[in-house]
């Protein structure tokens, strides 16, 4: 089932608001960046038919089996520490989130948008479209009183950069992606409001919201 969309931004916000009532959904958004090779500009995969959540071990074998059992669309993520399964590496950083190292799901509902036309792939496509279009948009509020902290002190950060420069000078490595984590304790935010605010500030071509 396909419908014409007159206001794309409003449709995306309504669709995300509708999807947020589900335990699991994935949104991929190009934010109007055109690419002649792309098959869609906005994708929303909602609800779980089947899912795969993998802890360290034979992750890729399990994913291959899951793919074979689910021939349609699947969406998910691979985490950085899967490198430990393909090379003799290990990670020593603390994990404060506890995500599975690999997660994929087969969606109940799939919405694809391109050229101001939305395609609904669902057993109840017409109902899904009606529920989205009838959404009353929330007045989403993003709190701005969060007290962010860094895992690094300034001295620790400068020392780490110095060590990286020494590694590069010696030829141990030629590039690195050095990151630091910012966090806030004992607080709560609206993830969807945060995503929408970030998208307005910085509308990147590979934006993703994954619940």
N, C-alpha and C. Protein backbone atom coordinates (compact mmCIF):
# COMPACT_ATOMS: atom_id res chain seq x y z
N UNK A 1 0.84 -1.19 0.00
CA UNK A 1 0.00 0.00 0.00
C UNK A 1 0.88 1.24 0.00
N UNK A 2 0.55 2.23 -0.85
CA UNK A 2 1.32 3.47 -0.93
C UNK A 2 0.40 4.67 -0.78
N UNK A 3 0.92 5.74 -0.15
CA UNK A 3 0.16 6.98 -0.03
C UNK A 3 1.08 8.15 -0.35
N UNK A 4 0.49 9.24 -0.79
CA UNK A 4 1.22 10.46 -1.08
C UNK A 4 1.39 11.26 0.21
N UNK A 5 2.57 11.86 0.39
CA UNK A 5 2.86 12.66 1.59
C UNK A 5 3.09 14.10 1.17
N UNK A 6 2.31 15.01 1.74
CA UNK A 6 2.46 16.43 1.42
C UNK A 6 3.47 17.13 2.31
N UNK A 7 3.51 16.73 3.58
CA UNK A 7 4.44 17.34 4.55
C UNK A 7 5.32 16.22 5.10
N UNK A 8 6.51 16.04 4.53
CA UNK A 8 7.37 14.92 4.88
C UNK A 8 7.85 15.00 6.33
N UNK A 9 8.27 16.17 6.77
CA UNK A 9 8.79 16.29 8.14
C UNK A 9 7.72 15.98 9.16
N UNK A 10 6.53 16.45 8.91
CA UNK A 10 5.43 16.16 9.84
C UNK A 10 5.11 14.67 9.84
N UNK A 11 5.11 14.06 8.66
CA UNK A 11 4.84 12.62 8.58
C UNK A 11 5.89 11.83 9.36
N UNK A 12 7.16 12.19 9.20
CA UNK A 12 8.22 11.47 9.91
C UNK A 12 8.05 11.59 11.42
N UNK A 13 7.71 12.79 11.89
CA UNK A 13 7.54 12.97 13.32
C UNK A 13 6.35 12.17 13.84
N UNK A 14 5.26 12.16 13.08
CA UNK A 14 4.09 11.38 13.49
C UNK A 14 4.41 9.89 13.48
N UNK A 15 5.15 9.45 12.45
CA UNK A 15 5.50 8.03 12.36
C UNK A 15 6.39 7.61 13.52
N UNK A 16 7.36 8.44 13.87
CA UNK A 16 8.24 8.14 15.01
C UNK A 16 7.45 8.14 16.31
N UNK A 17 6.56 9.07 16.45
CA UNK A 17 5.73 9.14 17.66
C UNK A 17 4.88 7.89 17.79
N UNK A 18 4.30 7.44 16.66
CA UNK A 18 3.52 6.20 16.66
C UNK A 18 4.41 5.01 17.00
N UNK A 19 5.59 4.95 16.41
CA UNK A 19 6.50 3.81 16.63
C UNK A 19 6.99 3.74 18.06
N UNK A 20 7.07 4.88 18.74
CA UNK A 20 7.64 4.90 20.09
C UNK A 20 6.82 4.12 21.10
N UNK A 21 5.57 3.76 20.75
CA UNK A 21 4.76 2.95 21.66
C UNK A 21 5.16 1.49 21.63
N UNK A 22 6.00 1.10 20.66
CA UNK A 22 6.47 -0.28 20.56
C UNK A 22 7.77 -0.44 21.34
N UNK A 23 8.04 -1.67 21.77
CA UNK A 23 9.26 -1.95 22.53
C UNK A 23 10.50 -1.83 21.66
N UNK A 24 10.37 -2.16 20.37
CA UNK A 24 11.53 -2.16 19.47
C UNK A 24 11.14 -1.49 18.15
N UNK A 25 11.97 -0.57 17.70
CA UNK A 25 11.84 -0.05 16.34
C UNK A 25 13.16 0.56 15.90
N UNK A 26 13.31 0.68 14.58
CA UNK A 26 14.53 1.24 13.98
C UNK A 26 14.13 2.26 12.92
N UNK A 27 14.75 3.42 12.98
CA UNK A 27 14.51 4.47 12.00
C UNK A 27 15.83 4.83 11.32
N UNK A 28 15.80 4.87 9.98
CA UNK A 28 16.95 5.32 9.19
C UNK A 28 16.47 6.51 8.36
N UNK A 29 17.19 7.63 8.43
CA UNK A 29 16.73 8.86 7.79
C UNK A 29 17.88 9.54 7.06
N UNK A 30 17.68 9.85 5.78
CA UNK A 30 18.72 10.53 5.00
C UNK A 30 18.65 12.04 5.15
N UNK A 31 17.58 12.54 5.80
CA UNK A 31 17.40 13.98 6.00
C UNK A 31 17.51 14.77 4.70
N UNK A 32 16.85 14.24 3.67
CA UNK A 32 16.72 14.93 2.38
C UNK A 32 18.03 15.04 1.59
N UNK A 33 19.04 14.30 1.97
CA UNK A 33 20.26 14.23 1.17
C UNK A 33 20.02 13.24 0.03
N UNK A 34 20.17 13.68 -1.19
CA UNK A 34 19.85 12.83 -2.34
C UNK A 34 21.03 11.94 -2.71
N UNK A 35 20.71 10.75 -3.15
CA UNK A 35 21.70 9.79 -3.61
C UNK A 35 21.03 8.95 -4.69
N UNK A 36 21.59 8.97 -5.89
CA UNK A 36 20.94 8.27 -6.99
C UNK A 36 20.88 6.76 -6.80
N UNK A 37 21.68 6.24 -5.86
CA UNK A 37 21.70 4.80 -5.63
C UNK A 37 20.76 4.35 -4.51
N UNK A 38 20.21 5.29 -3.75
CA UNK A 38 19.42 4.91 -2.58
C UNK A 38 18.05 4.37 -3.00
N UNK A 39 17.56 3.41 -2.23
CA UNK A 39 16.25 2.82 -2.50
C UNK A 39 15.16 3.47 -1.66
N UNK A 40 15.56 4.23 -0.64
CA UNK A 40 14.59 4.93 0.20
C UNK A 40 15.27 6.14 0.84
N UNK A 41 14.45 7.08 1.28
CA UNK A 41 14.96 8.27 1.96
C UNK A 41 14.72 8.18 3.46
N UNK A 42 13.71 7.40 3.84
CA UNK A 42 13.34 7.23 5.25
C UNK A 42 12.79 5.83 5.41
N UNK A 43 13.29 5.13 6.43
CA UNK A 43 12.82 3.76 6.70
C UNK A 43 12.43 3.67 8.17
N UNK A 44 11.32 3.00 8.41
CA UNK A 44 10.87 2.76 9.78
C UNK A 44 10.47 1.29 9.90
N UNK A 45 11.22 0.54 10.69
CA UNK A 45 10.92 -0.87 10.95
C UNK A 45 10.42 -0.98 12.38
N UNK A 46 9.21 -1.51 12.55
CA UNK A 46 8.53 -1.41 13.85
C UNK A 46 7.98 -2.76 14.29
N UNK A 47 8.20 -3.08 15.58
CA UNK A 47 7.67 -4.31 16.14
C UNK A 47 8.51 -5.52 15.77
N UNK A 48 8.42 -6.55 16.58
CA UNK A 48 9.29 -7.72 16.42
C UNK A 48 8.50 -8.97 16.06
N UNK A 49 8.81 -9.52 14.89
CA UNK A 49 8.35 -10.87 14.58
C UNK A 49 9.27 -11.88 15.24
N UNK A 50 10.55 -11.77 14.90
CA UNK A 50 11.59 -12.60 15.51
C UNK A 50 12.81 -11.72 15.74
N UNK A 51 13.66 -12.10 16.69
CA UNK A 51 14.83 -11.28 17.00
C UNK A 51 16.02 -12.16 17.36
N UNK A 52 17.19 -11.56 17.25
CA UNK A 52 18.43 -12.24 17.59
C UNK A 52 19.27 -11.29 18.44
N UNK A 53 19.53 -11.67 19.67
CA UNK A 53 20.40 -10.91 20.56
C UNK A 53 21.56 -11.82 20.96
N UNK A 54 22.78 -11.40 20.64
CA UNK A 54 23.95 -12.27 20.78
C UNK A 54 24.96 -11.68 21.75
N UNK A 55 25.44 -12.50 22.65
CA UNK A 55 26.56 -12.17 23.52
C UNK A 55 27.82 -12.78 22.91
N UNK A 56 29.01 -12.46 23.45
CA UNK A 56 30.26 -12.94 22.83
C UNK A 56 30.26 -14.44 22.56
N UNK A 57 30.79 -14.81 21.40
CA UNK A 57 30.85 -16.22 21.02
C UNK A 57 30.85 -16.35 19.52
N UNK A 58 29.90 -17.13 19.01
CA UNK A 58 29.81 -17.37 17.56
C UNK A 58 28.76 -16.45 16.93
N UNK A 59 28.92 -15.15 17.11
CA UNK A 59 27.92 -14.17 16.70
C UNK A 59 27.58 -14.25 15.22
N UNK A 60 28.60 -14.33 14.38
CA UNK A 60 28.36 -14.27 12.94
C UNK A 60 27.69 -15.54 12.42
N UNK A 61 27.98 -16.67 13.03
CA UNK A 61 27.29 -17.91 12.65
C UNK A 61 25.80 -17.81 13.00
N UNK A 62 25.52 -17.25 14.17
CA UNK A 62 24.12 -17.09 14.58
C UNK A 62 23.39 -16.10 13.67
N UNK A 63 24.09 -15.03 13.26
CA UNK A 63 23.48 -14.06 12.36
C UNK A 63 23.19 -14.69 10.99
N UNK A 64 24.12 -15.50 10.51
CA UNK A 64 23.91 -16.17 9.22
C UNK A 64 22.69 -17.08 9.28
N UNK A 65 22.55 -17.79 10.38
CA UNK A 65 21.40 -18.68 10.55
C UNK A 65 20.10 -17.87 10.64
N UNK A 66 20.15 -16.76 11.37
CA UNK A 66 18.97 -15.89 11.52
C UNK A 66 18.57 -15.32 10.16
N UNK A 67 19.56 -14.91 9.35
CA UNK A 67 19.29 -14.37 8.03
C UNK A 67 18.62 -15.42 7.15
N UNK A 68 19.09 -16.66 7.24
CA UNK A 68 18.53 -17.73 6.44
C UNK A 68 17.07 -18.01 6.82
N UNK A 69 16.75 -17.81 8.08
CA UNK A 69 15.39 -18.07 8.57
C UNK A 69 14.44 -16.89 8.36
N UNK A 70 15.00 -15.72 8.04
CA UNK A 70 14.20 -14.51 7.86
C UNK A 70 14.60 -13.86 6.53
N UNK A 71 13.92 -14.24 5.49
CA UNK A 71 14.32 -13.84 4.14
C UNK A 71 13.96 -12.40 3.80
N UNK A 72 13.04 -11.79 4.56
CA UNK A 72 12.63 -10.42 4.27
C UNK A 72 13.55 -9.40 4.90
N UNK A 73 13.00 -8.24 5.19
CA UNK A 73 13.78 -7.17 5.81
C UNK A 73 14.16 -7.52 7.24
N UNK A 74 15.41 -7.26 7.60
CA UNK A 74 15.82 -7.28 9.01
C UNK A 74 16.66 -6.03 9.25
N UNK A 75 16.56 -5.48 10.44
CA UNK A 75 17.39 -4.34 10.82
C UNK A 75 18.04 -4.64 12.16
N UNK A 76 19.19 -4.02 12.40
CA UNK A 76 19.88 -4.29 13.65
C UNK A 76 21.19 -3.55 13.73
N UNK A 77 22.04 -3.99 14.62
CA UNK A 77 23.33 -3.33 14.80
C UNK A 77 24.42 -4.34 15.16
N UNK A 78 25.64 -3.99 14.79
CA UNK A 78 26.85 -4.72 15.18
C UNK A 78 27.67 -3.81 16.08
N UNK A 79 28.18 -4.32 17.18
CA UNK A 79 28.97 -3.48 18.07
C UNK A 79 30.47 -3.65 17.77
N UNK A 80 31.22 -2.67 18.21
CA UNK A 80 32.64 -2.60 17.90
C UNK A 80 33.40 -3.83 18.42
N UNK A 81 32.99 -4.34 19.58
CA UNK A 81 33.75 -5.43 20.20
C UNK A 81 33.60 -6.76 19.48
N UNK A 82 32.80 -6.83 18.43
CA UNK A 82 32.79 -8.04 17.60
C UNK A 82 34.14 -8.28 16.94
N UNK A 83 34.98 -7.25 16.92
CA UNK A 83 36.35 -7.40 16.40
C UNK A 83 37.08 -8.52 17.14
N UNK A 84 36.72 -8.74 18.41
CA UNK A 84 37.40 -9.76 19.21
C UNK A 84 37.11 -11.17 18.71
N UNK A 85 36.07 -11.32 17.89
CA UNK A 85 35.74 -12.64 17.35
C UNK A 85 36.45 -12.91 16.03
N UNK A 86 36.95 -11.88 15.38
CA UNK A 86 37.58 -12.08 14.07
C UNK A 86 39.09 -11.89 14.13
N UNK A 87 39.60 -11.30 15.20
CA UNK A 87 41.03 -11.17 15.40
C UNK A 87 41.37 -11.45 16.86
N UNK A 88 42.63 -11.68 17.13
CA UNK A 88 43.06 -11.96 18.50
C UNK A 88 43.22 -10.64 19.25
N UNK A 89 42.08 -10.08 19.62
CA UNK A 89 42.03 -8.80 20.31
C UNK A 89 41.16 -8.93 21.54
N UNK A 90 41.29 -7.97 22.44
CA UNK A 90 40.43 -7.94 23.61
C UNK A 90 40.17 -6.49 23.99
N UNK A 91 39.10 -6.27 24.74
CA UNK A 91 38.70 -4.93 25.14
C UNK A 91 38.77 -4.81 26.65
N UNK A 92 39.36 -3.69 27.11
CA UNK A 92 39.49 -3.50 28.55
C UNK A 92 38.66 -2.36 29.10
N UNK A 93 37.85 -1.75 28.24
CA UNK A 93 37.04 -0.62 28.70
C UNK A 93 35.81 -1.10 29.45
N UNK A 94 35.41 -0.40 30.52
CA UNK A 94 34.19 -0.80 31.24
C UNK A 94 32.95 -0.60 30.38
N UNK A 95 31.99 -1.50 30.53
CA UNK A 95 30.75 -1.45 29.76
C UNK A 95 29.62 -1.03 30.69
N UNK A 96 29.15 0.20 30.53
CA UNK A 96 28.10 0.72 31.40
C UNK A 96 26.70 0.56 30.80
N UNK A 97 26.62 0.03 29.57
CA UNK A 97 25.34 -0.05 28.88
C UNK A 97 24.81 -1.48 28.79
N UNK A 98 25.69 -2.44 28.58
CA UNK A 98 25.26 -3.83 28.55
C UNK A 98 24.47 -4.22 27.31
N UNK A 99 24.75 -3.55 26.17
CA UNK A 99 24.09 -3.94 24.93
C UNK A 99 24.58 -5.31 24.49
N UNK A 100 23.73 -6.09 23.79
CA UNK A 100 24.25 -7.31 23.17
C UNK A 100 25.26 -6.93 22.10
N UNK A 101 26.20 -7.80 21.82
CA UNK A 101 27.23 -7.46 20.84
C UNK A 101 26.67 -7.42 19.42
N UNK A 102 25.54 -8.07 19.23
CA UNK A 102 24.89 -8.09 17.93
C UNK A 102 23.39 -8.23 18.17
N UNK A 103 22.61 -7.43 17.48
CA UNK A 103 21.14 -7.53 17.62
C UNK A 103 20.48 -7.25 16.28
N UNK A 104 19.58 -8.12 15.86
CA UNK A 104 18.79 -7.91 14.65
C UNK A 104 17.36 -8.37 14.92
N UNK A 105 16.42 -7.75 14.19
CA UNK A 105 15.04 -8.19 14.32
C UNK A 105 14.33 -8.11 12.97
N UNK A 106 13.34 -8.96 12.81
CA UNK A 106 12.46 -8.94 11.65
C UNK A 106 11.22 -8.16 12.04
N UNK A 107 10.92 -7.04 11.36
CA UNK A 107 9.84 -6.16 11.80
C UNK A 107 8.45 -6.65 11.44
N UNK A 108 7.50 -6.26 12.27
CA UNK A 108 6.08 -6.53 11.98
C UNK A 108 5.58 -5.56 10.92
N UNK A 109 6.00 -4.30 11.05
CA UNK A 109 5.57 -3.26 10.12
C UNK A 109 6.81 -2.59 9.53
N UNK A 110 6.76 -2.30 8.24
CA UNK A 110 7.86 -1.60 7.57
C UNK A 110 7.29 -0.46 6.74
N UNK A 111 7.90 0.72 6.90
CA UNK A 111 7.48 1.90 6.15
C UNK A 111 8.69 2.44 5.41
N UNK A 112 8.55 2.60 4.09
CA UNK A 112 9.62 3.13 3.25
C UNK A 112 9.11 4.39 2.57
N UNK A 113 9.91 5.45 2.63
CA UNK A 113 9.52 6.72 2.02
C UNK A 113 10.55 7.11 0.97
N UNK A 114 10.05 7.48 -0.22
CA UNK A 114 10.90 8.03 -1.27
C UNK A 114 10.05 8.91 -2.17
N UNK A 115 10.61 10.07 -2.52
CA UNK A 115 9.93 11.01 -3.42
C UNK A 115 8.52 11.34 -2.93
N UNK A 116 8.41 11.63 -1.64
CA UNK A 116 7.14 12.02 -1.02
C UNK A 116 6.04 10.98 -1.19
N UNK A 117 6.44 9.73 -1.22
CA UNK A 117 5.50 8.62 -1.26
C UNK A 117 5.90 7.60 -0.21
N UNK A 118 4.94 7.20 0.62
CA UNK A 118 5.20 6.23 1.68
C UNK A 118 4.60 4.88 1.31
N UNK A 119 5.43 3.85 1.39
CA UNK A 119 4.98 2.48 1.15
C UNK A 119 4.89 1.75 2.48
N UNK A 120 3.75 1.13 2.73
CA UNK A 120 3.51 0.39 3.98
C UNK A 120 3.53 -1.10 3.68
N UNK A 121 4.44 -1.80 4.34
CA UNK A 121 4.53 -3.26 4.20
C UNK A 121 4.13 -3.85 5.54
N UNK A 122 2.90 -4.32 5.62
CA UNK A 122 2.35 -4.78 6.89
C UNK A 122 1.08 -5.57 6.61
N UNK A 123 0.77 -6.46 7.52
CA UNK A 123 -0.48 -7.20 7.39
C UNK A 123 -1.69 -6.33 7.62
N UNK A 124 -1.49 -5.18 8.25
CA UNK A 124 -2.58 -4.22 8.50
C UNK A 124 -2.14 -2.84 8.02
N UNK A 125 -1.68 -2.78 6.79
CA UNK A 125 -1.08 -1.56 6.25
C UNK A 125 -2.02 -0.35 6.35
N UNK A 126 -3.28 -0.53 5.97
CA UNK A 126 -4.22 0.60 6.00
C UNK A 126 -4.43 1.11 7.42
N UNK A 127 -4.52 0.19 8.38
CA UNK A 127 -4.69 0.59 9.78
C UNK A 127 -3.47 1.35 10.28
N UNK A 128 -2.27 0.88 9.93
CA UNK A 128 -1.04 1.55 10.33
C UNK A 128 -1.00 2.97 9.78
N UNK A 129 -1.32 3.11 8.51
CA UNK A 129 -1.32 4.44 7.89
C UNK A 129 -2.30 5.37 8.59
N UNK A 130 -3.50 4.87 8.89
CA UNK A 130 -4.51 5.69 9.57
C UNK A 130 -4.03 6.10 10.97
N UNK A 131 -3.41 5.15 11.69
CA UNK A 131 -2.94 5.46 13.04
C UNK A 131 -1.85 6.53 13.02
N UNK A 132 -0.97 6.46 12.04
CA UNK A 132 0.11 7.46 11.94
C UNK A 132 -0.45 8.82 11.57
N UNK A 133 -1.28 8.86 10.53
CA UNK A 133 -1.79 10.14 10.04
C UNK A 133 -2.69 10.83 11.07
N UNK A 134 -3.32 10.05 11.95
CA UNK A 134 -4.22 10.64 12.96
C UNK A 134 -3.50 11.04 14.24
N UNK A 135 -2.19 10.88 14.29
CA UNK A 135 -1.43 11.24 15.49
C UNK A 135 -1.52 12.74 15.77
N UNK A 136 -1.79 13.09 17.02
CA UNK A 136 -1.68 14.48 17.47
C UNK A 136 -0.26 14.67 17.96
N UNK A 137 0.49 15.56 17.33
CA UNK A 137 1.89 15.72 17.67
C UNK A 137 2.07 16.24 19.09
N UNK A 138 2.99 15.60 19.82
CA UNK A 138 3.30 16.04 21.17
C UNK A 138 4.12 17.32 21.13
N UNK A 139 4.02 18.06 22.20
CA UNK A 139 4.91 19.21 22.38
C UNK A 139 6.14 18.69 23.12
N UNK A 140 7.05 18.07 22.36
CA UNK A 140 8.21 17.41 22.97
C UNK A 140 9.13 18.44 23.62
N UNK A 141 9.56 18.13 24.82
CA UNK A 141 10.41 19.04 25.58
C UNK A 141 11.69 18.31 25.97
N UNK A 142 12.80 18.90 25.62
CA UNK A 142 14.09 18.33 25.98
C UNK A 142 14.69 19.15 27.11
N UNK A 143 14.86 18.51 28.27
CA UNK A 143 15.40 19.25 29.41
C UNK A 143 16.83 19.68 29.14
N UNK A 144 17.17 20.86 29.63
CA UNK A 144 18.50 21.41 29.37
C UNK A 144 19.30 21.61 30.63
N UNK A 145 18.91 20.94 31.71
CA UNK A 145 19.62 21.10 32.98
C UNK A 145 20.47 19.88 33.33
N UNK A 146 20.81 19.06 32.31
CA UNK A 146 21.63 17.88 32.56
C UNK A 146 23.05 18.30 32.95
N UNK A 147 23.60 17.61 33.91
CA UNK A 147 24.98 17.87 34.33
C UNK A 147 25.87 16.79 33.74
N UNK A 148 26.42 17.08 32.57
CA UNK A 148 27.25 16.10 31.88
C UNK A 148 28.63 16.01 32.51
N UNK A 149 29.13 14.78 32.57
CA UNK A 149 30.49 14.53 33.07
C UNK A 149 31.26 13.77 31.99
N UNK A 150 32.57 13.82 32.08
CA UNK A 150 33.42 13.08 31.15
C UNK A 150 34.13 11.97 31.90
N UNK A 151 34.39 10.87 31.21
CA UNK A 151 35.17 9.77 31.81
C UNK A 151 36.64 10.16 31.94
N UNK A 152 37.08 11.20 31.21
CA UNK A 152 38.47 11.66 31.26
C UNK A 152 38.55 13.00 31.98
N UNK A 153 39.58 13.16 32.77
CA UNK A 153 39.94 14.51 33.20
C UNK A 153 40.73 15.15 32.06
N UNK A 154 40.90 16.47 32.12
CA UNK A 154 41.66 17.14 31.06
C UNK A 154 43.08 16.58 30.99
N UNK A 155 43.70 16.33 32.14
CA UNK A 155 45.07 15.82 32.17
C UNK A 155 45.14 14.43 31.54
N UNK A 156 44.17 13.57 31.89
CA UNK A 156 44.15 12.21 31.32
C UNK A 156 43.96 12.26 29.80
N UNK A 157 43.14 13.18 29.34
CA UNK A 157 42.89 13.30 27.91
C UNK A 157 44.17 13.73 27.17
N UNK A 158 44.83 14.76 27.70
CA UNK A 158 46.06 15.25 27.07
C UNK A 158 47.14 14.17 27.08
N UNK A 159 47.26 13.43 28.19
CA UNK A 159 48.25 12.35 28.26
C UNK A 159 47.95 11.25 27.23
N UNK A 160 46.67 10.92 27.07
CA UNK A 160 46.29 9.88 26.10
C UNK A 160 46.64 10.32 24.67
N UNK A 161 46.38 11.59 24.36
CA UNK A 161 46.72 12.10 23.03
C UNK A 161 48.24 12.04 22.82
N UNK A 162 49.00 12.36 23.87
CA UNK A 162 50.46 12.27 23.77
C UNK A 162 50.93 10.86 23.48
N UNK A 163 50.31 9.87 24.13
CA UNK A 163 50.67 8.47 23.88
C UNK A 163 50.31 8.06 22.45
N UNK A 164 49.17 8.52 21.96
CA UNK A 164 48.77 8.20 20.59
C UNK A 164 49.78 8.77 19.60
N UNK A 165 50.21 10.00 19.84
CA UNK A 165 51.20 10.62 18.94
C UNK A 165 52.51 9.83 18.93
N UNK A 166 52.90 9.29 20.09
CA UNK A 166 54.12 8.48 20.16
C UNK A 166 53.94 7.19 19.36
N UNK A 167 52.78 6.56 19.47
CA UNK A 167 52.50 5.34 18.70
C UNK A 167 52.59 5.62 17.20
N UNK A 168 52.02 6.76 16.77
CA UNK A 168 52.05 7.11 15.35
C UNK A 168 53.48 7.39 14.90
N UNK A 169 54.25 8.10 15.74
CA UNK A 169 55.64 8.42 15.39
C UNK A 169 56.49 7.16 15.25
N UNK A 170 56.22 6.14 16.10
CA UNK A 170 56.99 4.90 16.04
C UNK A 170 56.53 4.00 14.89
N UNK A 171 55.35 4.29 14.35
CA UNK A 171 54.83 3.44 13.28
C UNK A 171 53.99 2.29 13.78
N UNK A 172 53.63 2.28 15.08
CA UNK A 172 52.78 1.21 15.62
C UNK A 172 51.39 1.26 14.96
N UNK A 173 50.90 2.46 14.76
CA UNK A 173 49.60 2.68 14.13
C UNK A 173 49.73 3.87 13.19
N UNK A 174 48.75 4.04 12.29
CA UNK A 174 48.77 5.22 11.42
C UNK A 174 47.51 6.05 11.59
N UNK A 175 46.49 5.50 12.26
CA UNK A 175 45.27 6.26 12.49
C UNK A 175 44.56 5.65 13.69
N UNK A 176 43.82 6.48 14.40
CA UNK A 176 43.02 5.97 15.52
C UNK A 176 41.77 6.83 15.67
N UNK A 177 40.76 6.26 16.21
CA UNK A 177 39.51 6.99 16.48
C UNK A 177 39.39 7.10 18.00
N UNK A 178 40.00 8.11 18.55
CA UNK A 178 40.06 8.27 20.01
C UNK A 178 38.81 9.02 20.48
N UNK A 179 38.07 8.40 21.37
CA UNK A 179 36.80 8.98 21.83
C UNK A 179 36.80 9.09 23.35
N UNK A 180 35.91 9.93 23.83
CA UNK A 180 35.65 9.96 25.25
C UNK A 180 34.15 9.99 25.48
N UNK A 181 33.73 9.45 26.60
CA UNK A 181 32.31 9.33 26.89
C UNK A 181 31.86 10.46 27.81
N UNK A 182 30.74 11.06 27.45
CA UNK A 182 30.08 12.03 28.33
C UNK A 182 28.80 11.40 28.85
N UNK A 183 28.51 11.59 30.12
CA UNK A 183 27.36 10.93 30.72
C UNK A 183 26.76 11.80 31.82
N UNK A 184 25.54 11.46 32.20
CA UNK A 184 24.85 12.12 33.31
C UNK A 184 24.24 11.04 34.19
N UNK A 185 24.40 11.18 35.48
CA UNK A 185 23.88 10.19 36.43
C UNK A 185 22.54 10.65 37.01
N UNK A 186 21.74 9.66 37.41
CA UNK A 186 20.49 9.91 38.13
C UNK A 186 19.61 10.93 37.42
N UNK A 187 19.39 10.69 36.13
CA UNK A 187 18.55 11.58 35.36
C UNK A 187 17.77 10.77 34.34
N UNK A 188 16.83 11.39 33.70
CA UNK A 188 16.04 10.73 32.66
C UNK A 188 15.75 11.74 31.56
N UNK A 189 15.78 11.27 30.32
CA UNK A 189 15.45 12.13 29.18
C UNK A 189 14.45 11.42 28.30
N UNK A 190 13.84 12.16 27.41
CA UNK A 190 12.97 11.60 26.39
C UNK A 190 13.84 11.34 25.16
N UNK A 191 14.17 10.09 24.86
CA UNK A 191 15.09 9.79 23.74
C UNK A 191 14.59 10.33 22.41
N UNK A 192 13.28 10.22 22.15
CA UNK A 192 12.74 10.69 20.87
C UNK A 192 12.87 12.21 20.76
N UNK A 193 12.58 12.92 21.85
CA UNK A 193 12.73 14.38 21.84
C UNK A 193 14.18 14.76 21.58
N UNK A 194 15.11 14.00 22.17
CA UNK A 194 16.53 14.27 21.96
C UNK A 194 16.91 14.05 20.50
N UNK A 195 16.41 12.95 19.92
CA UNK A 195 16.71 12.65 18.51
C UNK A 195 16.18 13.73 17.58
N UNK A 196 14.94 14.16 17.81
CA UNK A 196 14.34 15.19 16.95
C UNK A 196 15.08 16.51 17.08
N UNK A 197 15.50 16.83 18.31
CA UNK A 197 16.24 18.08 18.51
C UNK A 197 17.59 18.02 17.81
N UNK A 198 18.28 16.89 17.92
CA UNK A 198 19.58 16.73 17.25
C UNK A 198 19.42 16.77 15.73
N UNK A 199 18.33 16.20 15.24
CA UNK A 199 18.10 16.19 13.79
C UNK A 199 17.85 17.60 13.27
N UNK A 200 17.20 18.43 14.08
CA UNK A 200 16.98 19.82 13.66
C UNK A 200 18.29 20.59 13.66
N UNK A 201 19.13 20.35 14.67
CA UNK A 201 20.40 21.07 14.78
C UNK A 201 21.39 20.59 13.73
N UNK A 202 21.43 19.27 13.52
CA UNK A 202 22.43 18.68 12.63
C UNK A 202 21.78 17.57 11.80
N UNK A 203 21.11 17.93 10.70
CA UNK A 203 20.39 16.93 9.89
C UNK A 203 21.32 16.11 9.01
N UNK A 204 21.91 15.08 9.59
CA UNK A 204 22.91 14.28 8.89
C UNK A 204 22.28 13.24 7.97
N UNK A 205 23.00 12.85 6.92
CA UNK A 205 22.42 11.94 5.92
C UNK A 205 22.32 10.49 6.37
N UNK A 206 22.92 10.11 7.47
CA UNK A 206 22.82 8.73 7.95
C UNK A 206 22.30 8.69 9.38
N UNK A 207 21.25 9.46 9.65
CA UNK A 207 20.69 9.53 11.00
C UNK A 207 19.96 8.24 11.34
N UNK A 208 20.11 7.82 12.58
CA UNK A 208 19.48 6.57 13.03
C UNK A 208 18.92 6.74 14.44
N UNK A 209 17.72 6.23 14.62
CA UNK A 209 17.16 6.09 15.97
C UNK A 209 16.82 4.61 16.14
N UNK A 210 17.39 3.99 17.16
CA UNK A 210 17.17 2.56 17.37
C UNK A 210 16.71 2.36 18.81
N UNK A 211 15.51 1.86 18.98
CA UNK A 211 14.98 1.55 20.31
C UNK A 211 14.95 0.04 20.46
